[in-house]
Amino acid sequence: MVLLFLSDYEPGPEAIQALFALQFLVFIIFLFLGVTRLGSKLVDFILRFMKGGIIIGAGIAAGELLPAGALLPD
């Protein structure tokens, strides 16, 4: 998702500023969830099987895509 967000910017200072702004926004969200203890309530609210699916999906999404857009070569 970060690469999709940064694809709107030309490589250079603009892209670095956009990346910093995105990371700062994520920091503010996580800080808010931690200070207010809403993070633990959110984790407790999500069902166990959904947590497993999210973790497995993140692992698959982190796979390196080939130039053709496939995960594995033919």
N, C-alpha and C. Protein backbone atom coordinates (compact mmCIF):
# COMPACT_ATOMS: atom_id res chain seq x y z
N MET A 1 0.82 -1.18 0.00
CA MET A 1 0.00 0.00 0.00
C MET A 1 0.87 1.25 0.00
N VAL A 2 2.02 1.14 0.65
CA VAL A 2 2.92 2.29 0.67
C VAL A 2 3.40 2.59 -0.74
N LEU A 3 3.76 1.54 -1.49
CA LEU A 3 4.22 1.75 -2.86
C LEU A 3 3.12 2.33 -3.73
N LEU A 4 1.90 1.89 -3.50
CA LEU A 4 0.77 2.44 -4.25
C LEU A 4 0.59 3.92 -3.94
N PHE A 5 0.72 4.28 -2.69
CA PHE A 5 0.62 5.68 -2.29
C PHE A 5 1.75 6.51 -2.90
N LEU A 6 2.96 5.96 -2.88
CA LEU A 6 4.12 6.71 -3.38
C LEU A 6 4.19 6.75 -4.90
N SER A 7 3.41 5.93 -5.58
CA SER A 7 3.47 5.92 -7.04
C SER A 7 2.96 7.23 -7.64
N ASP A 8 2.25 8.03 -6.87
CA ASP A 8 1.76 9.32 -7.36
C ASP A 8 2.86 10.39 -7.37
N TYR A 9 4.00 10.10 -6.75
CA TYR A 9 5.07 11.08 -6.61
C TYR A 9 6.27 10.68 -7.45
N GLU A 10 6.94 11.69 -7.99
CA GLU A 10 8.19 11.46 -8.73
C GLU A 10 9.28 11.11 -7.72
N PRO A 11 10.20 10.21 -8.07
CA PRO A 11 11.30 9.91 -7.15
C PRO A 11 12.11 11.17 -6.85
N GLY A 12 12.43 11.34 -5.60
CA GLY A 12 13.17 12.52 -5.19
C GLY A 12 12.65 13.07 -3.88
N PRO A 13 12.88 14.35 -3.64
CA PRO A 13 12.48 14.95 -2.36
C PRO A 13 10.98 14.87 -2.09
N GLU A 14 10.16 15.00 -3.12
CA GLU A 14 8.70 14.92 -2.92
C GLU A 14 8.29 13.55 -2.38
N ALA A 15 8.86 12.51 -2.95
CA ALA A 15 8.52 11.15 -2.51
C ALA A 15 9.01 10.90 -1.09
N ILE A 16 10.17 11.43 -0.74
CA ILE A 16 10.70 11.27 0.62
C ILE A 16 9.79 11.99 1.61
N GLN A 17 9.34 13.19 1.27
CA GLN A 17 8.43 13.92 2.15
C GLN A 17 7.10 13.19 2.31
N ALA A 18 6.60 12.61 1.23
CA ALA A 18 5.34 11.87 1.29
C ALA A 18 5.50 10.62 2.16
N LEU A 19 6.63 9.93 2.03
CA LEU A 19 6.88 8.75 2.85
C LEU A 19 6.98 9.13 4.32
N PHE A 20 7.68 10.23 4.62
CA PHE A 20 7.78 10.69 6.00
C PHE A 20 6.41 11.05 6.55
N ALA A 21 5.60 11.74 5.76
CA ALA A 21 4.26 12.12 6.21
C ALA A 21 3.40 10.90 6.49
N LEU A 22 3.50 9.89 5.64
CA LEU A 22 2.73 8.66 5.84
C LEU A 22 3.18 7.95 7.11
N GLN A 23 4.48 7.83 7.31
CA GLN A 23 4.99 7.17 8.51
C GLN A 23 4.62 7.95 9.77
N PHE A 24 4.64 9.27 9.69
CA PHE A 24 4.27 10.09 10.84
C PHE A 24 2.79 9.91 11.18
N LEU A 25 1.95 9.80 10.16
CA LEU A 25 0.52 9.58 10.38
C LEU A 25 0.28 8.22 11.05
N VAL A 26 0.99 7.20 10.61
CA VAL A 26 0.88 5.88 11.23
C VAL A 26 1.34 5.95 12.68
N PHE A 27 2.42 6.68 12.94
CA PHE A 27 2.91 6.86 14.31
C PHE A 27 1.85 7.51 15.20
N ILE A 28 1.20 8.55 14.70
CA ILE A 28 0.17 9.25 15.48
C ILE A 28 -1.00 8.31 15.79
N ILE A 29 -1.40 7.52 14.81
CA ILE A 29 -2.51 6.57 15.02
C ILE A 29 -2.14 5.54 16.08
N PHE A 30 -0.93 4.96 15.96
CA PHE A 30 -0.51 3.95 16.93
C PHE A 30 -0.32 4.55 18.32
N LEU A 31 0.19 5.77 18.39
CA LEU A 31 0.35 6.44 19.68
C LEU A 31 -1.01 6.66 20.33
N PHE A 32 -1.98 7.11 19.55
CA PHE A 32 -3.33 7.32 20.07
C PHE A 32 -3.92 6.00 20.58
N LEU A 33 -3.78 4.94 19.80
CA LEU A 33 -4.32 3.64 20.22
C LEU A 33 -3.62 3.13 21.47
N GLY A 34 -2.34 3.40 21.61
CA GLY A 34 -1.61 2.95 22.79
C GLY A 34 -1.94 3.75 24.04
N VAL A 35 -1.98 5.06 23.92
CA VAL A 35 -2.23 5.92 25.08
C VAL A 35 -3.65 5.73 25.60
N THR A 36 -4.62 5.60 24.71
CA THR A 36 -6.01 5.46 25.14
C THR A 36 -6.39 4.00 25.44
N ARG A 37 -5.46 3.08 25.22
CA ARG A 37 -5.68 1.64 25.41
C ARG A 37 -6.76 1.09 24.49
N LEU A 38 -7.05 1.80 23.42
CA LEU A 38 -8.01 1.30 22.44
C LEU A 38 -7.40 0.19 21.59
N GLY A 39 -6.06 0.14 21.53
CA GLY A 39 -5.38 -0.90 20.77
C GLY A 39 -5.68 -2.29 21.31
N SER A 40 -5.62 -2.45 22.63
CA SER A 40 -5.90 -3.76 23.22
C SER A 40 -7.37 -4.12 23.07
N LYS A 41 -8.25 -3.14 23.14
CA LYS A 41 -9.67 -3.41 22.93
C LYS A 41 -9.93 -3.83 21.49
N LEU A 42 -9.23 -3.21 20.56
CA LEU A 42 -9.38 -3.57 19.15
C LEU A 42 -8.89 -4.99 18.90
N VAL A 43 -7.76 -5.35 19.49
CA VAL A 43 -7.23 -6.71 19.33
C VAL A 43 -8.17 -7.73 19.96
N ASP A 44 -8.72 -7.42 21.11
CA ASP A 44 -9.65 -8.35 21.77
C ASP A 44 -10.96 -8.48 20.99
N PHE A 45 -11.34 -7.44 20.27
CA PHE A 45 -12.59 -7.45 19.52
C PHE A 45 -12.52 -8.34 18.29
N ILE A 46 -11.34 -8.39 17.66
CA ILE A 46 -11.17 -9.19 16.44
C ILE A 46 -11.12 -10.66 16.83
N LEU A 47 -11.89 -11.47 16.12
CA LEU A 47 -11.94 -12.89 16.42
C LEU A 47 -10.61 -13.57 16.09
N ARG A 48 -10.34 -14.69 16.77
CA ARG A 48 -9.07 -15.39 16.63
C ARG A 48 -8.81 -15.85 15.20
N PHE A 49 -9.82 -16.41 14.52
CA PHE A 49 -9.60 -16.90 13.16
C PHE A 49 -9.34 -15.75 12.20
N MET A 50 -9.91 -14.59 12.49
CA MET A 50 -9.65 -13.43 11.63
C MET A 50 -8.21 -12.94 11.82
N LYS A 51 -7.69 -13.02 13.05
CA LYS A 51 -6.30 -12.63 13.29
C LYS A 51 -5.37 -13.53 12.49
N GLY A 52 -5.64 -14.83 12.48
CA GLY A 52 -4.83 -15.76 11.71
C GLY A 52 -4.88 -15.45 10.23
N GLY A 53 -6.05 -15.14 9.72
CA GLY A 53 -6.19 -14.80 8.30
C GLY A 53 -5.45 -13.53 7.94
N ILE A 54 -5.46 -12.56 8.84
CA ILE A 54 -4.74 -11.32 8.60
C ILE A 54 -3.24 -11.57 8.54
N ILE A 55 -2.74 -12.39 9.45
CA ILE A 55 -1.30 -12.69 9.48
C ILE A 55 -0.89 -13.46 8.24
N ILE A 56 -1.67 -14.46 7.85
CA ILE A 56 -1.35 -15.24 6.65
C ILE A 56 -1.43 -14.34 5.41
N GLY A 57 -2.46 -13.52 5.33
CA GLY A 57 -2.60 -12.61 4.19
C GLY A 57 -1.46 -11.61 4.10
N ALA A 58 -0.97 -11.14 5.24
CA ALA A 58 0.16 -10.21 5.22
C ALA A 58 1.41 -10.90 4.69
N GLY A 59 1.60 -12.16 5.07
CA GLY A 59 2.75 -12.91 4.56
C GLY A 59 2.68 -13.11 3.06
N ILE A 60 1.50 -13.42 2.55
CA ILE A 60 1.34 -13.60 1.11
C ILE A 60 1.53 -12.27 0.38
N ALA A 61 0.97 -11.21 0.94
CA ALA A 61 1.08 -9.90 0.30
C ALA A 61 2.52 -9.39 0.29
N ALA A 62 3.34 -9.86 1.23
CA ALA A 62 4.73 -9.42 1.28
C ALA A 62 5.60 -10.14 0.26
N GLY A 63 5.03 -11.13 -0.43
CA GLY A 63 5.80 -11.86 -1.44
C GLY A 63 6.23 -10.94 -2.57
N GLU A 64 7.37 -11.26 -3.16
CA GLU A 64 7.92 -10.41 -4.23
C GLU A 64 7.23 -10.73 -5.54
N LEU A 65 6.73 -9.70 -6.19
CA LEU A 65 6.07 -9.87 -7.48
C LEU A 65 7.09 -9.84 -8.60
N LEU A 66 6.88 -10.67 -9.58
CA LEU A 66 7.71 -10.67 -10.78
C LEU A 66 7.24 -9.57 -11.72
N PRO A 67 8.02 -9.22 -12.73
CA PRO A 67 7.61 -8.14 -13.65
C PRO A 67 6.24 -8.36 -14.29
N ALA A 68 5.85 -9.61 -14.50
CA ALA A 68 4.55 -9.88 -15.10
C ALA A 68 3.42 -9.77 -14.08
N GLY A 69 3.76 -9.57 -12.81
CA GLY A 69 2.75 -9.45 -11.77
C GLY A 69 2.41 -10.75 -11.10
N ALA A 70 3.16 -11.81 -11.39
CA ALA A 70 2.90 -13.12 -10.79
C ALA A 70 3.81 -13.32 -9.58
N LEU A 71 3.35 -14.14 -8.64
CA LEU A 71 4.18 -14.45 -7.47
C LEU A 71 5.25 -15.48 -7.81
N LEU A 72 4.91 -16.44 -8.63
CA LEU A 72 5.84 -17.50 -8.99
C LEU A 72 6.01 -17.55 -10.50
N PRO A 73 7.21 -17.90 -10.97
CA PRO A 73 7.38 -18.01 -12.43
C PRO A 73 6.59 -19.19 -12.98
N ASP A 74 6.22 -19.11 -14.26
CA ASP A 74 5.47 -20.20 -14.90
C ASP A 74 6.31 -21.42 -15.09
